[in-house]
Amino acid sequence: MLARIQTVGTSLITKTTSLVTKTVEKTVYCGKVTGELSKQIYKSEKLQPPNLDEFKSVYKSLYTNSLRYIKTPEQAVNCLKAAGKNDLVKYGAIGIQLLGFYSVGEVIGRRKLVGYNNYAVKEAHH
């Protein structure tokens, strides 16, 4: 009986190891293919990261616009009133995407889909 259990256990471990090895190999292969494809797209589209001057100009304009809207809130209200339907749809879609990213981050951080773990000391029932 013990020999039979050992045989079944060994067989199960061998199959599991084989399955895990195949899965890892496929994952590594897909990662390498994705990396090479990304390199080709990067080169063919002549993409490049923004330089320091571009970063400075973008954040400087964001800063000045933010200060202007803080000093005169009427401009911010007028800007919102002037927004058309297409703008509202576009910004609504961006907001939904940001909410989705936030939700995925919450799920990853909690390591569970619903609710938080309660690590408080539980009182004994009387």
Protein backbone atom coordinates (compact mmCIF):
# COMPACT_ATOMS: atom_id res chain seq x y z
CA MET A 1 0.00 0.00 0.00
CA LEU A 2 2.82 2.37 0.90
CA ALA A 3 4.57 1.65 -2.39
CA ARG A 4 1.38 2.47 -4.28
CA ILE A 5 1.03 5.83 -2.47
CA GLN A 6 4.67 6.65 -3.21
CA THR A 7 4.21 5.76 -6.88
CA VAL A 8 1.11 7.93 -7.19
CA GLY A 9 2.80 10.78 -5.31
CA THR A 10 5.89 10.59 -7.50
CA SER A 11 3.75 10.52 -10.63
CA LEU A 12 1.75 13.52 -9.45
CA ILE A 13 4.90 15.50 -8.62
CA THR A 14 6.42 14.65 -12.01
CA LYS A 15 3.32 15.79 -13.88
CA THR A 16 3.05 18.99 -11.84
CA THR A 17 6.72 19.80 -12.39
CA SER A 18 6.32 19.21 -16.11
CA LEU A 19 3.25 21.44 -16.28
CA VAL A 20 4.94 24.26 -14.33
CA THR A 21 8.06 24.02 -16.51
CA LYS A 22 6.01 24.24 -19.71
CA THR A 23 4.05 27.21 -18.35
CA VAL A 24 7.22 29.06 -17.36
CA GLU A 25 8.79 28.37 -20.75
CA LYS A 26 5.71 29.68 -22.56
CA THR A 27 5.60 32.78 -20.36
CA VAL A 28 9.28 33.54 -20.95
CA TYR A 29 8.82 33.00 -24.70
CA CYS A 30 5.81 35.35 -24.82
CA GLY A 31 7.74 37.94 -22.83
CA LYS A 32 10.69 37.79 -25.22
CA VAL A 33 8.41 38.03 -28.27
CA THR A 34 6.63 41.04 -26.76
CA GLY A 35 9.95 42.70 -25.98
CA GLU A 36 11.27 42.19 -29.51
CA LEU A 37 8.00 43.39 -31.05
CA SER A 38 8.11 46.49 -28.85
CA LYS A 39 11.68 47.20 -29.98
CA GLN A 40 10.67 46.96 -33.64
CA ILE A 41 7.69 49.27 -33.13
CA TYR A 42 9.87 51.71 -31.17
CA LYS A 43 12.41 51.83 -34.00
CA SER A 44 9.91 51.94 -36.89
CA GLU A 45 7.81 54.71 -35.31
CA LYS A 46 10.98 56.60 -34.33
CA LEU A 47 9.71 56.95 -30.79
CA GLN A 48 11.77 58.60 -28.11
CA PRO A 49 11.17 59.67 -24.54
CA PRO A 50 10.57 63.37 -23.97
CA ASN A 51 13.63 65.44 -23.14
CA LEU A 52 14.05 67.60 -20.06
CA ASP A 53 12.94 70.82 -21.80
CA GLU A 54 9.63 69.22 -22.85
CA PHE A 55 8.99 68.05 -19.29
CA LYS A 56 9.76 71.51 -17.94
CA SER A 57 7.47 73.26 -20.43
CA VAL A 58 4.54 70.92 -19.77
CA TYR A 59 4.76 71.13 -16.00
CA LYS A 60 5.40 74.87 -16.06
CA SER A 61 2.22 75.43 -18.10
CA LEU A 62 0.27 73.12 -15.76
CA TYR A 63 1.57 75.06 -12.78
CA THR A 64 0.75 78.48 -14.23
CA ASN A 65 -2.73 77.37 -15.32
CA SER A 66 -3.39 75.88 -11.88
CA LEU A 67 -2.37 79.11 -10.18
CA ARG A 68 -4.53 81.13 -12.55
CA TYR A 69 -7.57 78.94 -11.84
CA ILE A 70 -6.94 79.12 -8.09
CA LYS A 71 -6.67 82.91 -8.14
CA THR A 72 -9.76 83.38 -10.33
CA PRO A 73 -12.19 80.48 -9.92
CA GLU A 74 -14.57 82.13 -12.39
CA GLN A 75 -12.21 81.13 -15.20
CA ALA A 76 -12.38 77.50 -14.11
CA VAL A 77 -16.18 77.65 -14.03
CA ASN A 78 -16.29 79.29 -17.47
CA CYS A 79 -13.93 76.64 -18.82
CA LEU A 80 -16.24 73.90 -17.53
CA LYS A 81 -19.30 75.65 -18.96
CA ALA A 82 -17.64 75.96 -22.36
CA ALA A 83 -16.88 72.23 -22.51
CA GLY A 84 -18.84 70.48 -25.23
CA LYS A 85 -20.42 67.05 -25.31
CA ASN A 86 -17.37 65.46 -26.95
CA ASP A 87 -15.09 66.89 -24.27
CA LEU A 88 -17.31 65.58 -21.50
CA VAL A 89 -17.41 62.11 -23.09
CA LYS A 90 -13.63 62.11 -23.51
CA TYR A 91 -12.92 63.20 -19.94
CA GLY A 92 -15.56 60.82 -18.61
CA ALA A 93 -13.86 57.92 -20.38
CA ILE A 94 -10.48 58.99 -18.96
CA GLY A 95 -12.03 59.17 -15.49
CA ILE A 96 -13.45 55.66 -15.84
CA GLN A 97 -10.03 54.36 -16.92
CA LEU A 98 -8.37 56.01 -13.92
CA LEU A 99 -10.99 54.49 -11.62
CA GLY A 100 -10.27 51.08 -13.17
CA PHE A 101 -6.51 51.46 -12.61
CA TYR A 102 -7.16 52.51 -9.02
CA SER A 103 -9.47 49.53 -8.46
CA VAL A 104 -6.94 47.07 -9.87
CA GLY A 105 -4.29 48.58 -7.60
CA GLU A 106 -6.59 48.15 -4.62
CA VAL A 107 -7.20 44.49 -5.49
CA ILE A 108 -3.47 43.88 -5.86
CA GLY A 109 -2.71 45.69 -2.62
CA ARG A 110 -5.31 43.78 -0.62
CA ARG A 111 -4.47 40.49 -2.35
CA LYS A 112 -8.16 39.68 -2.50
CA LEU A 113 -11.06 40.78 -4.66
CA VAL A 114 -13.51 42.01 -2.02
CA GLY A 115 -12.91 43.56 1.41
CA TYR A 116 -9.91 44.10 3.62
CA ASN A 117 -8.29 41.66 6.03
CA ASN A 118 -9.18 42.39 9.64
CA TYR A 119 -6.06 41.99 11.76
CA ALA A 120 -7.66 43.30 14.94
CA VAL A 121 -7.69 41.06 17.99
CA LYS A 122 -11.02 39.32 18.15
CA GLU A 123 -12.81 39.17 21.46
CA ALA A 124 -13.85 35.81 22.82
CA HIS A 125 -17.56 35.06 22.76
CA HIS A 126 -19.23 34.68 26.16
